[in-house]
């Protein structure tokens, strides 16, 4: 029907454009949150196994907690690694909630490139690392977990948590690789390394019988990314 014929038809009923419904409904709203910046490490040292938050990361976690202090949050979950757990505590303390810990929310298991070796290779632009990065997946790291296993591990846990909180909002504080892998899984993308996830950023999905992505990489509690462009 053309605009002119609609105007001329007194019986025509206008239909509004569908818009985003801010309510949770019977879904579970999942706030996927990356931990704050982790401490600098010496590869191979004891701290490289599970680095704590950097002082900047502690400030980021504080700002995140303040950002979410007025948000309805019914449960807070985290991986067992310090940088995620301490970030989760900065959220949970505003809601008087315990932090539920699940090891399968941890970062990808890096095999021979663990204990800071992955970070070292990235820092020096190691040729083997650069060649691997072109894959866009977690396959190809010696004795590493592999892409499919990683995706399934995190997807199964997040879906399980969502099924227990229908009609509620939960915060899942984890890692950049975890968030990428989960979103790659639900979107069916070939690459698992497809988005740069900012520290303490919030990516929001509604999970029911289907998964709807509501927002990605929201870090407005740290800075305004739009106004930062070109500076």
Protein backbone atom coordinates (compact mmCIF):
# COMPACT_ATOMS: atom_id res chain seq x y z
CA UNK A 1 0.00 0.00 0.00
CA UNK A 2 1.38 3.41 -0.96
CA UNK A 3 1.47 6.40 1.36
CA UNK A 4 -1.16 8.20 -0.73
CA UNK A 5 -3.59 5.27 -0.65
CA UNK A 6 -3.17 4.97 3.15
CA UNK A 7 -4.04 8.63 3.57
CA UNK A 8 -7.13 8.26 1.38
CA UNK A 9 -8.42 5.16 3.20
CA UNK A 10 -10.24 6.18 6.41
CA UNK A 11 -10.40 2.52 7.57
CA UNK A 12 -6.63 1.97 7.39
CA UNK A 13 -5.02 1.20 10.76
CA UNK A 14 -1.51 2.45 11.36
CA UNK A 15 1.02 -0.05 12.71
CA UNK A 16 3.98 1.13 14.79
CA UNK A 17 7.55 0.14 14.04
CA UNK A 18 8.73 -2.65 16.37
CA UNK A 19 11.26 -1.40 18.92
CA UNK A 20 13.48 -2.96 21.56
CA UNK A 21 11.51 -4.05 24.60
CA UNK A 22 13.60 -3.09 27.66
CA UNK A 23 11.84 -5.62 29.88
CA UNK A 24 13.36 -9.04 30.53
CA UNK A 25 10.10 -10.95 30.18
CA UNK A 26 10.60 -14.70 30.55
CA UNK A 27 14.18 -14.52 29.27
CA UNK A 28 17.33 -14.28 31.34
CA UNK A 29 19.25 -11.09 30.76
CA UNK A 30 22.95 -11.90 30.91
CA UNK A 31 25.52 -9.16 31.42
CA UNK A 32 28.76 -10.57 30.05
CA UNK A 33 31.53 -8.56 31.70
CA UNK A 34 35.25 -8.73 31.11
CA UNK A 35 37.49 -8.39 34.16
CA UNK A 36 39.51 -5.25 34.85
CA UNK A 37 43.03 -4.85 33.53
CA UNK A 38 45.28 -7.56 34.94
CA UNK A 39 48.69 -6.91 36.45
CA UNK A 40 51.84 -6.88 34.36
CA UNK A 41 53.65 -10.21 34.63
CA UNK A 42 57.01 -11.83 34.06
CA UNK A 43 56.32 -14.84 31.79
CA UNK A 44 56.96 -18.08 33.62
CA UNK A 45 56.77 -16.53 37.09
CA UNK A 46 54.35 -17.70 39.77
CA UNK A 47 52.15 -14.62 39.21
CA UNK A 48 51.83 -15.45 35.52
CA UNK A 49 49.56 -18.41 36.35
CA UNK A 50 46.82 -16.23 37.85
CA UNK A 51 47.67 -12.51 37.81
CA UNK A 52 45.65 -10.19 40.06
CA UNK A 53 44.15 -6.89 38.99
CA UNK A 54 46.46 -4.05 38.05
CA UNK A 55 45.88 -0.85 40.04
CA UNK A 56 44.19 0.50 36.90
CA UNK A 57 42.06 -2.64 36.82
CA UNK A 58 41.00 -2.06 40.42
CA UNK A 59 39.83 1.43 39.48
CA UNK A 60 38.00 0.05 36.44
CA UNK A 61 36.24 -2.50 38.66
CA UNK A 62 35.24 0.26 41.08
CA UNK A 63 33.71 2.29 38.25
CA UNK A 64 31.92 -0.79 36.95
CA UNK A 65 30.43 -1.48 40.36
CA UNK A 66 29.20 2.08 40.62
CA UNK A 67 27.73 1.89 37.12
CA UNK A 68 25.72 -1.22 38.00
CA UNK A 69 24.83 -0.23 41.55
CA UNK A 70 21.28 0.81 40.60
CA UNK A 71 20.77 -1.99 38.08
CA UNK A 72 18.63 -4.94 39.03
CA UNK A 73 21.01 -7.88 39.36
CA UNK A 74 19.73 -11.16 40.77
CA UNK A 75 22.98 -13.16 40.76
CA UNK A 76 26.69 -12.64 40.12
CA UNK A 77 28.96 -15.32 38.69
CA UNK A 78 32.66 -15.43 37.92
CA UNK A 79 35.52 -17.62 36.86
CA UNK A 80 37.86 -18.70 39.66
CA UNK A 81 40.73 -16.54 38.40
CA UNK A 82 41.62 -13.55 40.59
CA UNK A 83 41.15 -10.84 37.99
CA UNK A 84 37.59 -11.97 37.26
CA UNK A 85 36.61 -12.82 40.83
CA UNK A 86 37.82 -9.48 42.23
CA UNK A 87 35.98 -7.62 39.47
CA UNK A 88 32.84 -9.60 40.29
CA UNK A 89 33.16 -8.63 43.95
CA UNK A 90 33.11 -4.96 42.94
CA UNK A 91 29.68 -5.62 41.40
CA UNK A 92 28.26 -7.99 44.01
CA UNK A 93 29.01 -5.76 47.00
CA UNK A 94 26.44 -3.22 45.80
CA UNK A 95 23.73 -5.91 45.74
CA UNK A 96 24.63 -7.92 48.84
CA UNK A 97 25.08 -11.04 46.72
CA UNK A 98 27.64 -13.84 46.88
CA UNK A 99 29.81 -14.52 43.85
CA UNK A 100 29.18 -17.95 42.36
CA UNK A 101 32.41 -19.39 40.97
CA UNK A 102 32.72 -21.73 38.00
CA UNK A 103 36.06 -22.88 36.62
CA UNK A 104 34.57 -23.44 33.18
CA UNK A 105 34.14 -19.66 32.85
CA UNK A 106 37.93 -19.31 32.80
CA UNK A 107 39.89 -18.06 29.82
CA UNK A 108 40.88 -20.42 26.99
CA UNK A 109 43.38 -23.05 28.12
CA UNK A 110 46.56 -22.20 26.24
CA UNK A 111 48.67 -25.32 26.62
CA UNK A 112 52.29 -24.56 25.73
CA UNK A 113 51.49 -20.85 25.49
CA UNK A 114 50.19 -20.53 29.06
CA UNK A 115 51.90 -18.92 32.09
CA UNK A 116 52.43 -15.66 30.21
CA UNK A 117 53.93 -17.19 27.06
CA UNK A 118 50.97 -16.07 24.93
CA UNK A 119 51.35 -12.51 26.22
CA UNK A 120 55.12 -12.60 25.60
CA UNK A 121 54.72 -13.77 22.02
CA UNK A 122 52.11 -11.08 21.34
CA UNK A 123 54.35 -8.36 22.82
CA UNK A 124 57.38 -9.23 20.68
CA UNK A 125 55.26 -9.93 17.57
CA UNK A 126 56.63 -13.44 17.38
CA UNK A 127 56.34 -14.76 13.77
CA UNK A 128 54.71 -17.99 14.93
CA UNK A 129 52.19 -15.98 16.94
CA UNK A 130 51.45 -13.67 13.98
CA UNK A 131 50.86 -16.65 11.71
CA UNK A 132 48.57 -18.23 14.28
CA UNK A 133 46.57 -15.02 14.74
CA UNK A 134 45.52 -15.08 11.09
CA UNK A 135 43.37 -18.12 11.85
CA UNK A 136 40.98 -16.14 14.02
CA UNK A 137 40.32 -19.26 16.11
CA UNK A 138 41.97 -20.93 19.10
CA UNK A 139 43.10 -23.92 17.07
CA UNK A 140 46.79 -24.42 16.36
CA UNK A 141 48.28 -23.61 19.78
CA UNK A 142 50.42 -26.57 20.87
CA UNK A 143 48.51 -28.62 23.46
CA UNK A 144 45.88 -25.89 23.69
CA UNK A 145 42.20 -26.44 24.35
CA UNK A 146 41.10 -25.80 20.79
CA UNK A 147 38.30 -23.66 19.43
CA UNK A 148 35.31 -26.00 19.41
CA UNK A 149 35.95 -27.34 22.91
CA UNK A 150 36.35 -23.79 24.24
CA UNK A 151 33.15 -22.56 22.63
CA UNK A 152 31.14 -25.50 23.93
CA UNK A 153 32.59 -25.21 27.44
CA UNK A 154 31.58 -21.59 27.91
CA UNK A 155 28.29 -21.85 26.00
CA UNK A 156 27.12 -24.81 28.07
CA UNK A 157 27.87 -22.99 31.32
CA UNK A 158 26.26 -19.70 30.33
CA UNK A 159 23.15 -21.39 28.98
CA UNK A 160 22.93 -23.47 32.17
CA UNK A 161 23.12 -20.36 34.34
CA UNK A 162 20.53 -18.58 32.19
CA UNK A 163 18.12 -21.51 32.50
CA UNK A 164 18.19 -21.09 36.29
CA UNK A 165 17.36 -17.38 36.14
CA UNK A 166 14.48 -16.97 33.73
CA UNK A 167 12.88 -13.56 34.21
CA UNK A 168 16.00 -12.29 36.00
CA UNK A 169 19.25 -10.47 35.28
CA UNK A 170 22.63 -11.99 36.03
CA UNK A 171 26.18 -10.67 35.79
CA UNK A 172 28.76 -13.12 34.45
CA UNK A 173 32.26 -11.75 34.99
CA UNK A 174 34.75 -13.63 32.86
CA UNK A 175 37.34 -13.00 30.15
CA UNK A 176 37.64 -11.45 26.71
CA UNK A 177 38.15 -14.79 25.03
CA UNK A 178 35.12 -16.24 26.81
CA UNK A 179 32.86 -13.41 25.67
CA UNK A 180 34.15 -13.68 22.11
CA UNK A 181 33.74 -17.45 22.08
CA UNK A 182 30.19 -17.38 23.45
CA UNK A 183 29.05 -14.73 20.98
CA UNK A 184 30.79 -16.53 18.12
CA UNK A 185 28.97 -19.72 19.16
CA UNK A 186 25.50 -18.17 19.21
CA UNK A 187 26.07 -16.10 16.06
CA UNK A 188 27.68 -18.98 14.17
CA UNK A 189 30.72 -16.97 13.11
CA UNK A 190 33.79 -18.77 11.80
CA UNK A 191 36.19 -16.61 13.79
CA UNK A 192 36.26 -16.70 17.58
CA UNK A 193 38.69 -13.78 17.74
CA UNK A 194 36.44 -11.22 16.13
CA UNK A 195 35.97 -8.43 18.70
CA UNK A 196 38.34 -6.46 20.92
CA UNK A 197 36.68 -6.68 24.33
CA UNK A 198 37.49 -3.74 26.61
CA UNK A 199 38.27 -4.31 30.26
CA UNK A 200 35.08 -4.20 32.40
CA UNK A 201 32.95 -3.69 29.29
CA UNK A 202 29.40 -5.04 29.36
CA UNK A 203 27.89 -7.09 26.53
CA UNK A 204 24.20 -7.86 27.03
CA UNK A 205 22.21 -10.80 25.72
CA UNK A 206 18.71 -12.07 26.44
CA UNK A 207 18.56 -15.86 26.60
CA UNK A 208 15.30 -17.81 26.42
CA UNK A 209 14.48 -20.36 23.73
CA UNK A 210 16.51 -18.09 21.48
CA UNK A 211 19.37 -15.67 22.13
CA UNK A 212 19.05 -11.97 21.33
CA UNK A 213 22.09 -9.71 21.41
CA UNK A 214 21.14 -6.39 23.02
CA UNK A 215 24.46 -4.56 23.21
CA UNK A 216 28.20 -5.12 22.85
CA UNK A 217 31.29 -3.77 24.57
CA UNK A 218 29.60 -1.02 26.57
CA UNK A 219 32.40 0.72 28.48
CA UNK A 220 30.79 4.13 29.02
CA UNK A 221 31.66 3.97 32.72
CA UNK A 222 35.31 4.25 31.62
CA UNK A 223 35.08 6.67 28.70
CA UNK A 224 32.87 7.77 25.82
CA UNK A 225 34.22 5.78 22.89
CA UNK A 226 32.38 7.93 20.33
CA UNK A 227 33.90 11.19 21.57
CA UNK A 228 37.29 9.49 21.88
CA UNK A 229 37.50 8.72 18.15
CA UNK A 230 40.20 10.74 16.42
CA UNK A 231 41.71 12.18 19.61
